[in-house]
Amino acid sequence: MAVNKPPGDNARKGAVRKRSQLKTKIEGEEHWTKRDKGSGEFMAQKKDREAPPYKGVRKE
């Protein structure tokens, strides 16, 4: 029987809103970069170029 998780478990349910991700090239290598949708500011970048994209964040 499926059970809902307890409240306060800090687990994400569904997609992350107001954020998107795109691949950027830095020194010839592609990395996933997270971006704030409202201000357009870049927030974070994956260090490893083979790393998978961010989970639950839409792609541009």
C-alpha atoms as a PDB file:
ATOM      1  CA  MET A   1       0.000   0.000   0.000  1.00  0.00           C
ATOM      2  CA  ALA A   2       1.372   3.438  -0.978  1.00  0.00           C
ATOM      3  CA  VAL A   3       1.711   5.979   1.811  1.00  0.00           C
ATOM      4  CA  ASN A   4       2.380   9.724   1.649  1.00  0.00           C
ATOM      5  CA  LYS A   5       5.715  10.780   3.095  1.00  0.00           C
ATOM      6  CA  PRO A   6       5.659  12.490   6.496  1.00  0.00           C
ATOM      7  CA  PRO A   7       5.517  16.320   6.461  1.00  0.00           C
ATOM      8  CA  GLY A   8       8.822  18.043   7.056  1.00  0.00           C
ATOM      9  CA  ASP A   9      10.942  15.386   5.322  1.00  0.00           C
ATOM     10  CA  ASN A  10      12.404  18.103   3.001  1.00  0.00           C
ATOM     11  CA  ALA A  11      11.733  16.006  -0.103  1.00  0.00           C
ATOM     12  CA  ARG A  12      10.932  17.803  -3.354  1.00  0.00           C
ATOM     13  CA  LYS A  13       7.552  17.030  -4.899  1.00  0.00           C
ATOM     14  CA  GLY A  14       7.388  17.930  -8.602  1.00  0.00           C
ATOM     15  CA  ALA A  15       9.378  20.455 -10.616  1.00  0.00           C
ATOM     16  CA  VAL A  16      11.396  23.382  -9.290  1.00  0.00           C
ATOM     17  CA  ARG A  17       9.623  26.583 -10.310  1.00  0.00           C
ATOM     18  CA  LYS A  18      11.185  29.890 -11.340  1.00  0.00           C
ATOM     19  CA  ARG A  19      14.414  28.173 -12.404  1.00  0.00           C
ATOM     20  CA  SER A  20      15.758  26.771 -15.622  1.00  0.00           C
ATOM     21  CA  GLN A  21      18.975  25.173 -16.793  1.00  0.00           C
ATOM     22  CA  LEU A  22      21.050  25.309 -19.921  1.00  0.00           C
ATOM     23  CA  LYS A  23      24.358  24.036 -21.221  1.00  0.00           C
ATOM     24  CA  THR A  24      27.101  26.667 -21.303  1.00  0.00           C
ATOM     25  CA  LYS A  25      30.555  26.414 -22.827  1.00  0.00           C
ATOM     26  CA  ILE A  26      33.534  27.456 -20.737  1.00  0.00           C
ATOM     27  CA  GLU A  27      37.006  26.957 -22.178  1.00  0.00           C
ATOM     28  CA  GLY A  28      35.629  24.501 -24.733  1.00  0.00           C
ATOM     29  CA  GLU A  29      33.830  22.289 -22.189  1.00  0.00           C
ATOM     30  CA  GLU A  30      30.061  22.150 -21.733  1.00  0.00           C
ATOM     31  CA  HIS A  31      28.577  22.371 -18.236  1.00  0.00           C
ATOM     32  CA  TRP A  32      25.005  22.535 -16.888  1.00  0.00           C
ATOM     33  CA  THR A  33      24.225  25.978 -15.453  1.00  0.00           C
ATOM     34  CA  LYS A  34      21.207  26.799 -13.288  1.00  0.00           C
ATOM     35  CA  ARG A  35      19.501  30.155 -13.862  1.00  0.00           C
ATOM     36  CA  ASP A  36      16.918  32.233 -11.967  1.00  0.00           C
ATOM     37  CA  LYS A  37      13.972  32.792 -14.287  1.00  0.00           C
ATOM     38  CA  GLY A  38      12.897  36.133 -12.784  1.00  0.00           C
ATOM     39  CA  SER A  39      16.187  38.029 -12.811  1.00  0.00           C
ATOM     40  CA  GLY A  40      18.048  35.924 -15.401  1.00  0.00           C
ATOM     41  CA  GLU A  41      20.972  35.618 -12.985  1.00  0.00           C
ATOM     42  CA  PHE A  42      23.139  32.486 -13.138  1.00  0.00           C
ATOM     43  CA  MET A  43      22.960  30.652  -9.817  1.00  0.00           C
ATOM     44  CA  ALA A  44      25.136  27.535  -9.916  1.00  0.00           C
ATOM     45  CA  GLN A  45      27.099  25.341 -12.275  1.00  0.00           C
ATOM     46  CA  LYS A  46      28.003  21.659 -12.280  1.00  0.00           C
ATOM     47  CA  LYS A  47      31.774  21.199 -12.027  1.00  0.00           C
ATOM     48  CA  ASP A  48      32.044  17.853 -13.778  1.00  0.00           C
ATOM     49  CA  ARG A  49      31.274  18.078 -17.491  1.00  0.00           C
ATOM     50  CA  GLU A  50      29.985  14.494 -17.476  1.00  0.00           C
ATOM     51  CA  ALA A  51      27.563  15.228 -14.614  1.00  0.00           C
ATOM     52  CA  PRO A  52      23.847  14.732 -15.325  1.00  0.00           C
ATOM     53  CA  PRO A  53      21.547  17.772 -15.457  1.00  0.00           C
ATOM     54  CA  TYR A  54      19.916  19.187 -12.324  1.00  0.00           C
ATOM     55  CA  LYS A  55      16.917  17.154 -11.172  1.00  0.00           C
ATOM     56  CA  GLY A  56      13.471  18.694 -11.508  1.00  0.00           C
ATOM     57  CA  VAL A  57      14.701  21.880 -13.220  1.00  0.00           C
ATOM     58  CA  ARG A  58      13.338  22.639 -16.697  1.00  0.00           C
ATOM     59  CA  LYS A  59      15.701  23.032 -19.644  1.00  0.00           C
ATOM     60  CA  GLU A  60      15.861  26.117 -21.872  1.00  0.00           C
END
